[in-house]
Amino acid sequence: MRVGRIASLDFRVFIRAHRPLFRQALLGAIIALLSITASAFPAYASAPRIIIVHSEPAMTPAFLRDWNDNLTLVRSEPIEVIPEELDQRPYVHLALFFGPEWNAYIDRGEAVEDLGPEQASEHGRFYPMAGGAPPLIIIEDSVDVVTNEGLRVLADAGVPVRVEVPPSAVRQGGDQALPSQMPALAAAGIGGMVLGVYLLVRRRSARRVSPT
């Protein structure tokens, strides 16, 4: 028992002596975790009030007017894509209406079908799944993988979410972790690092105490 009390006391002394170091390590871990969590969400976390999906004359425009559905669609997983890989992939245009004026437009009961893509605040593209290539949404310079929930939003609006393309038009990628898995994997890694430091400190503290 005496050895245990001495080890506990020595550990507390060690913690007090290195308190600034531990504070910096904890702060760094928190910042890293917050950064990883934030990276899971695109810059367009404030969703457009209205989205028009159009591709004249290939399809009848689809009008997305539910803010929650629009948020689900644009809240996708970032990915790096080589522009040349998109050259042969079919896509549809997106017209995105951001801003409080479009809330007022909806509240007045005006028809979104009267709007044209040229009135939109921003523009983008949706690339359906093609072969082994994932579904992508591009808004300005942001390229993201559309989540399953986002695909359901588009499918419910009558937008095709998968198309057939020649195999030569799709470049296959290697095995890698899915974007949705990355925050969880990184958080687990940070937790493991903190636990490892804690166990190392305890082990060193225990070695300093000799049995009586």
N, C-alpha and C. Protein backbone atom coordinates (compact mmCIF):
# COMPACT_ATOMS: atom_id res chain seq x y z
N MET A 1 0.82 -1.20 0.00
CA MET A 1 0.00 0.00 0.00
C MET A 1 0.86 1.26 0.00
N ARG A 2 1.96 1.21 0.79
CA ARG A 2 2.83 2.38 0.87
C ARG A 2 3.45 2.69 -0.50
N VAL A 3 3.82 1.61 -1.21
CA VAL A 3 4.40 1.82 -2.54
C VAL A 3 3.38 2.48 -3.47
N GLY A 4 2.12 2.03 -3.37
CA GLY A 4 1.08 2.62 -4.20
C GLY A 4 0.87 4.08 -3.90
N ARG A 5 0.89 4.45 -2.59
CA ARG A 5 0.69 5.84 -2.22
C ARG A 5 1.85 6.70 -2.70
N ILE A 6 3.06 6.16 -2.59
CA ILE A 6 4.23 6.92 -3.03
C ILE A 6 4.19 7.12 -4.54
N ALA A 7 3.81 6.06 -5.28
CA ALA A 7 3.72 6.17 -6.73
C ALA A 7 2.69 7.21 -7.14
N SER A 8 1.54 7.20 -6.43
CA SER A 8 0.49 8.17 -6.74
C SER A 8 0.97 9.59 -6.46
N LEU A 9 1.67 9.78 -5.34
CA LEU A 9 2.17 11.10 -4.99
C LEU A 9 3.21 11.57 -6.00
N ASP A 10 4.11 10.64 -6.37
CA ASP A 10 5.15 10.99 -7.34
C ASP A 10 4.54 11.36 -8.69
N PHE A 11 3.48 10.66 -9.07
CA PHE A 11 2.82 10.96 -10.34
C PHE A 11 2.19 12.34 -10.31
N ARG A 12 1.58 12.69 -9.16
CA ARG A 12 0.98 14.02 -9.04
C ARG A 12 2.04 15.11 -9.11
N VAL A 13 3.16 14.87 -8.48
CA VAL A 13 4.25 15.84 -8.53
C VAL A 13 4.74 16.01 -9.96
N PHE A 14 4.85 14.89 -10.67
CA PHE A 14 5.30 14.94 -12.06
C PHE A 14 4.31 15.75 -12.92
N ILE A 15 3.01 15.52 -12.69
CA ILE A 15 1.99 16.23 -13.46
C ILE A 15 2.07 17.72 -13.20
N ARG A 16 2.23 18.10 -11.90
CA ARG A 16 2.31 19.52 -11.58
C ARG A 16 3.54 20.16 -12.23
N ALA A 17 4.64 19.43 -12.22
CA ALA A 17 5.88 19.98 -12.78
C ALA A 17 5.78 20.16 -14.30
N HIS A 18 4.98 19.32 -14.93
CA HIS A 18 4.89 19.37 -16.40
C HIS A 18 3.50 19.83 -16.84
N ARG A 19 2.81 20.56 -15.98
CA ARG A 19 1.45 20.98 -16.31
C ARG A 19 1.37 21.80 -17.60
N PRO A 20 2.26 22.76 -17.84
CA PRO A 20 2.18 23.52 -19.10
C PRO A 20 2.30 22.63 -20.33
N LEU A 21 3.20 21.61 -20.23
CA LEU A 21 3.37 20.71 -21.37
C LEU A 21 2.11 19.92 -21.65
N PHE A 22 1.48 19.44 -20.58
CA PHE A 22 0.25 18.66 -20.75
C PHE A 22 -0.87 19.54 -21.29
N ARG A 23 -0.92 20.79 -20.83
CA ARG A 23 -1.95 21.69 -21.34
C ARG A 23 -1.78 21.93 -22.83
N GLN A 24 -0.54 22.11 -23.27
CA GLN A 24 -0.28 22.32 -24.69
C GLN A 24 -0.66 21.08 -25.51
N ALA A 25 -0.33 19.90 -24.97
CA ALA A 25 -0.66 18.67 -25.69
C ALA A 25 -2.16 18.49 -25.80
N LEU A 26 -2.88 18.77 -24.69
CA LEU A 26 -4.33 18.62 -24.71
C LEU A 26 -4.97 19.63 -25.66
N LEU A 27 -4.47 20.88 -25.62
CA LEU A 27 -5.00 21.90 -26.51
C LEU A 27 -4.77 21.53 -27.97
N GLY A 28 -3.57 21.01 -28.27
CA GLY A 28 -3.28 20.60 -29.64
C GLY A 28 -4.19 19.48 -30.10
N ALA A 29 -4.47 18.51 -29.20
CA ALA A 29 -5.35 17.41 -29.57
C ALA A 29 -6.76 17.90 -29.84
N ILE A 30 -7.24 18.85 -29.00
CA ILE A 30 -8.58 19.39 -29.19
C ILE A 30 -8.69 20.14 -30.51
N ILE A 31 -7.67 20.97 -30.80
CA ILE A 31 -7.68 21.74 -32.05
C ILE A 31 -7.66 20.81 -33.26
N ALA A 32 -6.84 19.75 -33.18
CA ALA A 32 -6.77 18.80 -34.29
C ALA A 32 -8.11 18.11 -34.51
N LEU A 33 -8.76 17.72 -33.40
CA LEU A 33 -10.04 17.04 -33.51
C LEU A 33 -11.10 17.97 -34.09
N LEU A 34 -11.11 19.23 -33.65
CA LEU A 34 -12.07 20.19 -34.19
C LEU A 34 -11.83 20.45 -35.67
N SER A 35 -10.56 20.50 -36.06
CA SER A 35 -10.24 20.73 -37.47
C SER A 35 -10.72 19.58 -38.33
N ILE A 36 -10.53 18.35 -37.82
CA ILE A 36 -10.96 17.17 -38.57
C ILE A 36 -12.47 17.15 -38.71
N THR A 37 -13.16 17.48 -37.61
CA THR A 37 -14.62 17.50 -37.65
C THR A 37 -15.12 18.54 -38.63
N ALA A 38 -14.48 19.72 -38.59
CA ALA A 38 -14.91 20.80 -39.50
C ALA A 38 -14.67 20.43 -40.95
N SER A 39 -13.60 19.66 -41.21
CA SER A 39 -13.29 19.30 -42.60
C SER A 39 -14.31 18.36 -43.19
N ALA A 40 -15.13 17.72 -42.35
CA ALA A 40 -16.15 16.83 -42.85
C ALA A 40 -17.32 17.58 -43.46
N PHE A 41 -17.36 18.89 -43.24
CA PHE A 41 -18.44 19.70 -43.75
C PHE A 41 -17.90 20.73 -44.72
N PRO A 42 -18.57 20.93 -45.85
CA PRO A 42 -18.09 21.88 -46.84
C PRO A 42 -18.33 23.30 -46.42
N ALA A 43 -17.79 24.24 -47.21
CA ALA A 43 -17.96 25.65 -46.90
C ALA A 43 -19.40 26.09 -47.06
N TYR A 44 -20.23 25.27 -47.73
CA TYR A 44 -21.61 25.66 -47.96
C TYR A 44 -22.54 25.06 -46.92
N ALA A 45 -22.11 25.13 -45.62
CA ALA A 45 -22.94 24.60 -44.55
C ALA A 45 -24.24 25.38 -44.46
N SER A 46 -24.25 26.67 -44.84
CA SER A 46 -25.50 27.42 -44.95
C SER A 46 -26.08 27.09 -46.32
N ALA A 47 -27.10 26.27 -46.32
CA ALA A 47 -27.60 25.71 -47.57
C ALA A 47 -28.33 26.74 -48.40
N PRO A 48 -28.35 26.56 -49.72
CA PRO A 48 -29.17 27.42 -50.57
C PRO A 48 -30.65 27.17 -50.30
N ARG A 49 -31.44 28.21 -50.40
CA ARG A 49 -32.89 28.07 -50.15
C ARG A 49 -33.56 27.32 -51.28
N ILE A 50 -33.05 27.50 -52.48
CA ILE A 50 -33.63 26.85 -53.66
C ILE A 50 -32.50 26.32 -54.53
N ILE A 51 -32.69 25.15 -55.09
CA ILE A 51 -31.74 24.59 -56.06
C ILE A 51 -32.53 24.16 -57.30
N ILE A 52 -32.04 24.57 -58.45
CA ILE A 52 -32.61 24.10 -59.72
C ILE A 52 -31.60 23.16 -60.36
N VAL A 53 -32.02 21.93 -60.63
CA VAL A 53 -31.19 20.96 -61.34
C VAL A 53 -31.67 20.95 -62.79
N HIS A 54 -30.80 21.30 -63.71
CA HIS A 54 -31.25 21.44 -65.09
C HIS A 54 -30.17 20.98 -66.06
N SER A 55 -30.61 20.58 -67.24
CA SER A 55 -29.70 20.19 -68.32
C SER A 55 -30.50 20.21 -69.61
N GLU A 56 -30.69 21.40 -70.12
CA GLU A 56 -31.51 21.56 -71.33
C GLU A 56 -30.78 21.00 -72.54
N PRO A 57 -31.49 20.29 -73.43
CA PRO A 57 -32.89 19.87 -73.30
C PRO A 57 -33.02 18.44 -72.79
N ALA A 58 -31.96 17.92 -72.14
CA ALA A 58 -31.93 16.50 -71.79
C ALA A 58 -32.94 16.13 -70.72
N MET A 59 -33.26 17.05 -69.81
CA MET A 59 -34.16 16.70 -68.72
C MET A 59 -35.02 17.90 -68.35
N THR A 60 -36.18 17.59 -67.78
CA THR A 60 -37.04 18.64 -67.24
C THR A 60 -36.42 19.14 -65.95
N PRO A 61 -36.31 20.44 -65.75
CA PRO A 61 -35.68 20.95 -64.53
C PRO A 61 -36.36 20.43 -63.27
N ALA A 62 -35.55 20.14 -62.27
CA ALA A 62 -36.06 19.73 -60.96
C ALA A 62 -35.82 20.88 -59.99
N PHE A 63 -36.82 21.20 -59.18
CA PHE A 63 -36.75 22.32 -58.26
C PHE A 63 -36.73 21.80 -56.82
N LEU A 64 -35.64 22.06 -56.12
CA LEU A 64 -35.50 21.64 -54.72
C LEU A 64 -35.74 22.87 -53.85
N ARG A 65 -36.83 22.85 -53.10
CA ARG A 65 -37.22 24.04 -52.33
C ARG A 65 -37.20 23.80 -50.82
N ASP A 66 -36.90 22.56 -50.41
CA ASP A 66 -36.84 22.26 -48.98
C ASP A 66 -35.43 22.55 -48.46
N TRP A 67 -35.31 23.47 -47.51
CA TRP A 67 -33.99 23.88 -47.03
C TRP A 67 -33.22 22.71 -46.42
N ASN A 68 -33.90 21.86 -45.67
CA ASN A 68 -33.22 20.72 -45.05
C ASN A 68 -32.69 19.75 -46.10
N ASP A 69 -33.48 19.52 -47.14
CA ASP A 69 -33.01 18.66 -48.22
C ASP A 69 -31.80 19.27 -48.92
N ASN A 70 -31.86 20.58 -49.14
CA ASN A 70 -30.73 21.24 -49.80
C ASN A 70 -29.47 21.18 -48.95
N LEU A 71 -29.64 21.32 -47.63
CA LEU A 71 -28.50 21.20 -46.73
C LEU A 71 -27.92 19.80 -46.79
N THR A 72 -28.78 18.80 -46.83
CA THR A 72 -28.33 17.41 -46.94
C THR A 72 -27.53 17.20 -48.21
N LEU A 73 -27.96 17.82 -49.29
CA LEU A 73 -27.27 17.63 -50.57
C LEU A 73 -25.90 18.28 -50.59
N VAL A 74 -25.79 19.52 -50.11
CA VAL A 74 -24.51 20.22 -50.20
C VAL A 74 -23.56 19.82 -49.09
N ARG A 75 -24.06 19.19 -48.02
CA ARG A 75 -23.18 18.75 -46.95
C ARG A 75 -22.59 17.41 -47.35
N SER A 76 -21.57 17.45 -48.16
CA SER A 76 -20.97 16.26 -48.73
C SER A 76 -19.55 16.08 -48.22
N GLU A 77 -18.85 15.09 -48.77
CA GLU A 77 -17.51 14.74 -48.30
C GLU A 77 -16.47 15.25 -49.29
N PRO A 78 -15.53 16.12 -48.85
CA PRO A 78 -14.52 16.66 -49.77
C PRO A 78 -13.67 15.55 -50.39
N ILE A 79 -13.25 15.77 -51.62
CA ILE A 79 -12.41 14.81 -52.31
C ILE A 79 -11.56 15.56 -53.33
N GLU A 80 -10.37 15.04 -53.61
CA GLU A 80 -9.51 15.63 -54.63
C GLU A 80 -9.72 14.87 -55.94
N VAL A 81 -9.98 15.61 -56.98
CA VAL A 81 -10.26 15.01 -58.28
C VAL A 81 -9.38 15.67 -59.34
N ILE A 82 -8.81 14.84 -60.21
CA ILE A 82 -8.06 15.36 -61.35
C ILE A 82 -9.07 15.82 -62.40
N PRO A 83 -9.01 17.08 -62.82
CA PRO A 83 -10.02 17.60 -63.76
C PRO A 83 -10.21 16.74 -65.00
N GLU A 84 -9.12 16.16 -65.50
CA GLU A 84 -9.22 15.36 -66.72
C GLU A 84 -10.12 14.14 -66.52
N GLU A 85 -10.26 13.69 -65.27
CA GLU A 85 -11.09 12.51 -65.00
C GLU A 85 -12.57 12.80 -65.23
N LEU A 86 -12.94 14.07 -65.25
CA LEU A 86 -14.34 14.44 -65.41
C LEU A 86 -14.72 14.74 -66.86
N ASP A 87 -13.73 14.75 -67.74
CA ASP A 87 -13.97 15.19 -69.11
C ASP A 87 -15.04 14.36 -69.82
N GLN A 88 -15.05 13.04 -69.57
CA GLN A 88 -15.97 12.17 -70.30
C GLN A 88 -17.17 11.76 -69.46
N ARG A 89 -17.32 12.35 -68.29
CA ARG A 89 -18.45 11.99 -67.43
C ARG A 89 -19.63 12.92 -67.67
N PRO A 90 -20.83 12.38 -67.79
CA PRO A 90 -22.01 13.23 -67.95
C PRO A 90 -22.34 13.96 -66.64
N TYR A 91 -23.00 15.09 -66.77
CA TYR A 91 -23.35 15.87 -65.58
C TYR A 91 -24.59 16.71 -65.87
N VAL A 92 -25.17 17.23 -64.81
CA VAL A 92 -26.27 18.19 -64.93
C VAL A 92 -25.85 19.46 -64.20
N HIS A 93 -26.47 20.56 -64.56
CA HIS A 93 -26.15 21.85 -63.97
C HIS A 93 -26.95 22.07 -62.69
N LEU A 94 -26.35 22.82 -61.78
CA LEU A 94 -27.03 23.22 -60.54
C LEU A 94 -27.07 24.74 -60.48
N ALA A 95 -28.23 25.27 -60.20
CA ALA A 95 -28.39 26.71 -59.95
C ALA A 95 -28.80 26.86 -58.49
N LEU A 96 -27.97 27.54 -57.71
CA LEU A 96 -28.17 27.62 -56.26
C LEU A 96 -28.55 29.05 -55.86
N PHE A 97 -29.62 29.15 -55.11
CA PHE A 97 -30.16 30.45 -54.70
C PHE A 97 -29.90 30.64 -53.20
N PHE A 98 -28.85 31.38 -52.88
CA PHE A 98 -28.51 31.69 -51.49
C PHE A 98 -29.09 33.06 -51.12
N GLY A 99 -29.36 33.25 -49.84
CA GLY A 99 -29.72 34.58 -49.36
C GLY A 99 -31.12 34.66 -48.80
N PRO A 100 -31.32 35.59 -47.86
CA PRO A 100 -32.63 35.74 -47.21
C PRO A 100 -33.74 36.16 -48.16
N GLU A 101 -33.39 36.78 -49.28
CA GLU A 101 -34.43 37.22 -50.20
C GLU A 101 -35.22 36.04 -50.77
N TRP A 102 -34.56 34.86 -50.82
CA TRP A 102 -35.26 33.69 -51.34
C TRP A 102 -36.12 33.04 -50.28
N ASN A 103 -35.78 33.26 -49.00
CA ASN A 103 -36.71 32.86 -47.93
C ASN A 103 -38.00 33.64 -48.07
N ALA A 104 -37.86 34.95 -48.29
CA ALA A 104 -39.04 35.80 -48.46
C ALA A 104 -39.83 35.38 -49.70
N TYR A 105 -39.11 35.00 -50.74
CA TYR A 105 -39.76 34.57 -51.99
C TYR A 105 -40.65 33.36 -51.72
N ILE A 106 -40.12 32.39 -50.98
CA ILE A 106 -40.90 31.20 -50.64
C ILE A 106 -42.05 31.56 -49.72
N ASP A 107 -41.78 32.40 -48.72
CA ASP A 107 -42.81 32.76 -47.74
C ASP A 107 -43.98 33.49 -48.39
N ARG A 108 -43.71 34.21 -49.46
CA ARG A 108 -44.80 34.91 -50.17
C ARG A 108 -45.65 33.96 -51.00
N GLY A 109 -45.18 32.70 -51.09
CA GLY A 109 -45.93 31.72 -51.86
C GLY A 109 -45.71 31.79 -53.34
N GLU A 110 -44.63 32.43 -53.75
CA GLU A 110 -44.36 32.54 -55.19
C GLU A 110 -43.81 31.22 -55.72
N ALA A 111 -44.06 30.95 -56.97
CA ALA A 111 -43.70 29.66 -57.57
C ALA A 111 -42.22 29.64 -57.94
N VAL A 112 -41.53 28.62 -57.44
CA VAL A 112 -40.11 28.49 -57.79
C VAL A 112 -39.95 28.12 -59.26
N GLU A 113 -40.99 27.55 -59.84
CA GLU A 113 -40.92 27.18 -61.26
C GLU A 113 -40.81 28.40 -62.17
N ASP A 114 -41.11 29.57 -61.62
CA ASP A 114 -40.98 30.79 -62.42
C ASP A 114 -39.55 31.31 -62.47
N LEU A 115 -38.68 30.72 -61.67
CA LEU A 115 -37.29 31.17 -61.61
C LEU A 115 -36.48 30.54 -62.74
N GLY A 116 -35.45 31.24 -63.17
CA GLY A 116 -34.54 30.70 -64.16
C GLY A 116 -33.14 30.55 -63.58
N PRO A 117 -32.34 29.62 -64.10
CA PRO A 117 -30.98 29.41 -63.59
C PRO A 117 -30.13 30.67 -63.60
N GLU A 118 -30.40 31.58 -64.54
CA GLU A 118 -29.60 32.80 -64.62
C GLU A 118 -29.81 33.72 -63.42
N GLN A 119 -30.85 33.48 -62.63
CA GLN A 119 -31.12 34.30 -61.45
C GLN A 119 -30.40 33.79 -60.21
N ALA A 120 -29.73 32.66 -60.33
CA ALA A 120 -29.11 32.02 -59.16
C ALA A 120 -27.91 32.80 -58.66
N SER A 121 -27.63 32.62 -57.35
CA SER A 121 -26.47 33.26 -56.73
C SER A 121 -25.18 32.58 -57.16
N GLU A 122 -25.21 31.25 -57.24
CA GLU A 122 -24.03 30.47 -57.60
C GLU A 122 -24.46 29.32 -58.50
N HIS A 123 -23.46 28.73 -59.15
CA HIS A 123 -23.74 27.63 -60.07
C HIS A 123 -22.77 26.48 -59.80
N GLY A 124 -23.23 25.29 -60.15
CA GLY A 124 -22.40 24.11 -59.94
C GLY A 124 -22.80 22.99 -60.88
N ARG A 125 -22.26 21.81 -60.59
CA ARG A 125 -22.57 20.63 -61.40
C ARG A 125 -22.76 19.43 -60.48
N PHE A 126 -23.60 18.49 -60.94
CA PHE A 126 -23.73 17.20 -60.28
C PHE A 126 -23.35 16.12 -61.28
N TYR A 127 -22.37 15.30 -60.89
CA TYR A 127 -21.93 14.17 -61.70
C TYR A 127 -22.51 12.89 -61.09
N PRO A 128 -23.44 12.23 -61.78
CA PRO A 128 -23.99 10.98 -61.25
C PRO A 128 -22.92 9.89 -61.15
N MET A 129 -23.22 8.87 -60.39
CA MET A 129 -22.34 7.70 -60.35
C MET A 129 -22.21 7.13 -61.76
N ALA A 130 -20.99 6.75 -62.11
CA ALA A 130 -20.74 6.22 -63.44
C ALA A 130 -19.68 5.13 -63.34
N GLY A 131 -20.08 3.89 -63.61
CA GLY A 131 -19.13 2.80 -63.45
C GLY A 131 -18.68 2.70 -62.00
N GLY A 132 -17.37 2.80 -61.78
CA GLY A 132 -16.84 2.79 -60.42
C GLY A 132 -16.59 4.16 -59.85
N ALA A 133 -16.98 5.20 -60.58
CA ALA A 133 -16.72 6.57 -60.13
C ALA A 133 -17.83 7.04 -59.20
N PRO A 134 -17.48 7.74 -58.13
CA PRO A 134 -18.48 8.18 -57.15
C PRO A 134 -19.29 9.37 -57.66
N PRO A 135 -20.45 9.62 -57.07
CA PRO A 135 -21.23 10.81 -57.43
C PRO A 135 -20.57 12.05 -56.86
N LEU A 136 -20.46 13.09 -57.66
CA LEU A 136 -19.77 14.30 -57.23
C LEU A 136 -20.67 15.51 -57.37
N ILE A 137 -20.45 16.47 -56.49
CA ILE A 137 -21.09 17.77 -56.61
C ILE A 137 -19.99 18.83 -56.60
N ILE A 138 -20.04 19.72 -57.56
CA ILE A 138 -19.05 20.79 -57.67
C ILE A 138 -19.77 22.13 -57.56
N ILE A 139 -19.40 22.91 -56.55
CA ILE A 139 -19.95 24.25 -56.37
C ILE A 139 -18.77 25.21 -56.35
N GLU A 140 -18.73 26.09 -57.33
CA GLU A 140 -17.58 26.96 -57.50
C GLU A 140 -16.32 26.09 -57.62
N ASP A 141 -15.38 26.20 -56.67
CA ASP A 141 -14.15 25.41 -56.73
C ASP A 141 -14.15 24.25 -55.75
N SER A 142 -15.27 23.99 -55.10
CA SER A 142 -15.36 22.92 -54.11
C SER A 142 -15.87 21.65 -54.77
N VAL A 143 -15.10 20.56 -54.62
CA VAL A 143 -15.48 19.26 -55.19
C VAL A 143 -15.74 18.30 -54.03
N ASP A 144 -16.93 17.69 -54.01
CA ASP A 144 -17.30 16.81 -52.91
C ASP A 144 -17.99 15.55 -53.44
N VAL A 145 -17.91 14.49 -52.63
CA VAL A 145 -18.65 13.27 -52.91
C VAL A 145 -20.04 13.40 -52.28
N VAL A 146 -21.06 13.15 -53.05
CA VAL A 146 -22.43 13.24 -52.54
C VAL A 146 -22.71 12.04 -51.64
N THR A 147 -23.28 12.30 -50.47
CA THR A 147 -23.61 11.24 -49.53
C THR A 147 -24.83 10.46 -50.02
N ASN A 148 -25.08 9.31 -49.38
CA ASN A 148 -26.27 8.53 -49.73
C ASN A 148 -27.55 9.32 -49.48
N GLU A 149 -27.54 10.11 -48.40
CA GLU A 149 -28.71 10.93 -48.10
C GLU A 149 -28.92 11.98 -49.20
N GLY A 150 -27.82 12.57 -49.67
CA GLY A 150 -27.92 13.54 -50.75
C GLY A 150 -28.43 12.91 -52.03
N LEU A 151 -28.00 11.68 -52.30
CA LEU A 151 -28.49 10.98 -53.49
C LEU A 151 -29.99 10.73 -53.40
N ARG A 152 -30.47 10.42 -52.20
CA ARG A 152 -31.91 10.20 -52.03
C ARG A 152 -32.70 11.48 -52.32
N VAL A 153 -32.14 12.62 -51.90
CA VAL A 153 -32.81 13.89 -52.18
C VAL A 153 -32.95 14.09 -53.69
N LEU A 154 -31.87 13.84 -54.42
CA LEU A 154 -31.91 14.00 -55.87
C LEU A 154 -32.84 12.99 -56.53
N ALA A 155 -32.77 11.74 -56.08
CA ALA A 155 -33.61 10.70 -56.67
C ALA A 155 -35.09 11.00 -56.45
N ASP A 156 -35.42 11.49 -55.26
CA ASP A 156 -36.82 11.83 -54.98
C ASP A 156 -37.32 12.96 -55.87
N ALA A 157 -36.39 13.81 -56.32
CA ALA A 157 -36.76 14.92 -57.21
C ALA A 157 -36.75 14.50 -58.68
N GLY A 158 -36.46 13.23 -58.94
CA GLY A 158 -36.46 12.74 -60.31
C GLY A 158 -35.16 12.92 -61.05
N VAL A 159 -34.08 13.22 -60.31
CA VAL A 159 -32.77 13.41 -60.95
C VAL A 159 -32.04 12.06 -61.00
N PRO A 160 -31.57 11.62 -62.17
CA PRO A 160 -30.82 10.36 -62.25
C PRO A 160 -29.53 10.45 -61.42
N VAL A 161 -29.30 9.45 -60.60
CA VAL A 161 -28.11 9.45 -59.74
C VAL A 161 -27.07 8.43 -60.20
N ARG A 162 -27.41 7.65 -61.22
CA ARG A 162 -26.45 6.69 -61.80
C ARG A 162 -26.65 6.65 -63.30
N VAL A 163 -25.55 6.64 -64.04
CA VAL A 163 -25.62 6.54 -65.49
C VAL A 163 -24.63 5.48 -65.95
N GLU A 164 -24.85 4.96 -67.14
CA GLU A 164 -23.96 3.97 -67.72
C GLU A 164 -22.99 4.68 -68.66
N VAL A 165 -21.72 4.39 -68.51
CA VAL A 165 -20.70 4.96 -69.39
C VAL A 165 -19.77 3.85 -69.82
N PRO A 166 -19.09 4.02 -70.94
CA PRO A 166 -18.10 3.02 -71.35
C PRO A 166 -17.02 2.86 -70.29
N PRO A 167 -16.54 1.63 -70.04
CA PRO A 167 -15.50 1.42 -69.03
C PRO A 167 -14.28 2.28 -69.24
N SER A 168 -13.95 2.58 -70.50
CA SER A 168 -12.76 3.37 -70.77
C SER A 168 -12.91 4.81 -70.30
N ALA A 169 -14.15 5.24 -70.05
CA ALA A 169 -14.38 6.62 -69.66
C ALA A 169 -14.24 6.84 -68.17
N VAL A 170 -14.06 5.74 -67.42
CA VAL A 170 -13.98 5.85 -65.97
C VAL A 170 -12.64 5.32 -65.50
N ARG A 171 -11.90 6.13 -64.79
CA ARG A 171 -10.61 5.71 -64.25
C ARG A 171 -10.83 5.10 -62.88
N GLN A 172 -10.40 3.87 -62.70
CA GLN A 172 -10.61 3.20 -61.43
C GLN A 172 -9.53 3.60 -60.44
N GLY A 173 -9.94 3.81 -59.19
CA GLY A 173 -8.99 4.17 -58.14
C GLY A 173 -8.62 2.97 -57.31
N GLY A 174 -7.55 3.12 -56.49
CA GLY A 174 -7.14 2.05 -55.61
C GLY A 174 -7.96 2.03 -54.34
N ASP A 175 -7.70 1.00 -53.50
CA ASP A 175 -8.41 0.89 -52.23
C ASP A 175 -7.95 2.01 -51.31
N GLN A 176 -8.91 2.66 -50.66
CA GLN A 176 -8.59 3.71 -49.71
C GLN A 176 -9.76 3.89 -48.78
N ALA A 177 -9.52 4.53 -47.63
CA ALA A 177 -10.58 4.75 -46.67
C ALA A 177 -11.62 5.70 -47.24
N LEU A 178 -12.89 5.40 -46.96
CA LEU A 178 -13.94 6.28 -47.41
C LEU A 178 -13.84 7.61 -46.71
N PRO A 179 -14.22 8.73 -47.36
CA PRO A 179 -14.15 10.03 -46.71
C PRO A 179 -14.92 10.08 -45.41
N SER A 180 -16.09 9.39 -45.34
CA SER A 180 -16.89 9.43 -44.13
C SER A 180 -16.22 8.74 -42.97
N GLN A 181 -15.21 7.90 -43.25
CA GLN A 181 -14.51 7.20 -42.19
C GLN A 181 -13.35 8.00 -41.64
N MET A 182 -12.90 9.00 -42.36
CA MET A 182 -11.69 9.69 -41.96
C MET A 182 -11.79 10.40 -40.62
N PRO A 183 -12.87 11.17 -40.31
CA PRO A 183 -12.92 11.82 -39.01
C PRO A 183 -12.86 10.84 -37.86
N ALA A 184 -13.57 9.70 -37.97
CA ALA A 184 -13.57 8.73 -36.89
C ALA A 184 -12.19 8.10 -36.72
N LEU A 185 -11.52 7.79 -37.83
CA LEU A 185 -10.20 7.20 -37.73
C LEU A 185 -9.20 8.16 -37.11
N ALA A 186 -9.28 9.42 -37.51
CA ALA A 186 -8.36 10.42 -36.96
C ALA A 186 -8.61 10.66 -35.48
N ALA A 187 -9.89 10.71 -35.08
CA ALA A 187 -10.22 10.92 -33.68
C ALA A 187 -9.71 9.76 -32.84
N ALA A 188 -9.85 8.53 -33.36
CA ALA A 188 -9.34 7.37 -32.64
C ALA A 188 -7.82 7.44 -32.51
N GLY A 189 -7.15 7.93 -33.55
CA GLY A 189 -5.70 8.06 -33.48
C GLY A 189 -5.26 9.06 -32.44
N ILE A 190 -5.96 10.20 -32.35
CA ILE A 190 -5.62 11.21 -31.34
C ILE A 190 -5.84 10.66 -29.94
N GLY A 191 -6.97 9.95 -29.76
CA GLY A 191 -7.24 9.36 -28.46
C GLY A 191 -6.17 8.36 -28.06
N GLY A 192 -5.71 7.57 -29.04
CA GLY A 192 -4.65 6.61 -28.75
C GLY A 192 -3.35 7.29 -28.36
N MET A 193 -3.02 8.42 -28.99
CA MET A 193 -1.80 9.15 -28.65
C MET A 193 -1.86 9.69 -27.23
N VAL A 194 -3.01 10.28 -26.85
CA VAL A 194 -3.15 10.82 -25.49
C VAL A 194 -3.03 9.71 -24.46
N LEU A 195 -3.70 8.55 -24.72
CA LEU A 195 -3.62 7.43 -23.80
C LEU A 195 -2.20 6.91 -23.69
N GLY A 196 -1.48 6.88 -24.82
CA GLY A 196 -0.10 6.41 -24.79
C GLY A 196 0.79 7.29 -23.95
N VAL A 197 0.62 8.62 -24.04
CA VAL A 197 1.41 9.54 -23.21
C VAL A 197 1.11 9.32 -21.74
N TYR A 198 -0.17 9.14 -21.42
CA TYR A 198 -0.56 8.92 -20.02
C TYR A 198 0.07 7.65 -19.46
N LEU A 199 0.02 6.55 -20.21
CA LEU A 199 0.60 5.29 -19.73
C LEU A 199 2.11 5.39 -19.60
N LEU A 200 2.76 6.11 -20.52
CA LEU A 200 4.20 6.27 -20.45
C LEU A 200 4.60 7.03 -19.20
N VAL A 201 3.85 8.08 -18.87
CA VAL A 201 4.15 8.86 -17.66
C VAL A 201 3.98 8.01 -16.42
N ARG A 202 2.93 7.22 -16.36
CA ARG A 202 2.70 6.37 -15.20
C ARG A 202 3.82 5.33 -15.05
N ARG A 203 4.26 4.77 -16.18
CA ARG A 203 5.31 3.76 -16.12
C ARG A 203 6.61 4.36 -15.59
N ARG A 204 6.96 5.56 -16.07
CA ARG A 204 8.19 6.20 -15.61
C ARG A 204 8.09 6.58 -14.14
N SER A 205 6.91 7.00 -13.71
CA SER A 205 6.74 7.37 -12.31
C SER A 205 6.88 6.15 -11.41
N ALA A 206 6.35 5.00 -11.86
CA ALA A 206 6.42 3.79 -11.06
C ALA A 206 7.86 3.30 -10.92
N ARG A 207 8.67 3.50 -11.95
CA ARG A 207 10.06 3.04 -11.91
C ARG A 207 10.90 3.82 -10.91
N ARG A 208 10.46 5.05 -10.61
CA ARG A 208 11.24 5.87 -9.69
C ARG A 208 11.05 5.46 -8.23
N VAL A 209 10.02 4.67 -7.94
CA VAL A 209 9.72 4.29 -6.57
C VAL A 209 10.30 2.91 -6.30
N SER A 210 11.15 2.79 -5.31
CA SER A 210 11.74 1.50 -4.95
C SER A 210 10.93 0.87 -3.83
N PRO A 211 10.72 -0.44 -3.83
CA PRO A 211 9.93 -1.10 -2.79
C PRO A 211 10.64 -0.99 -1.44
N THR A 212 9.84 -0.90 -0.38
CA THR A 212 10.37 -0.82 0.98
C THR A 212 10.07 -2.10 1.73
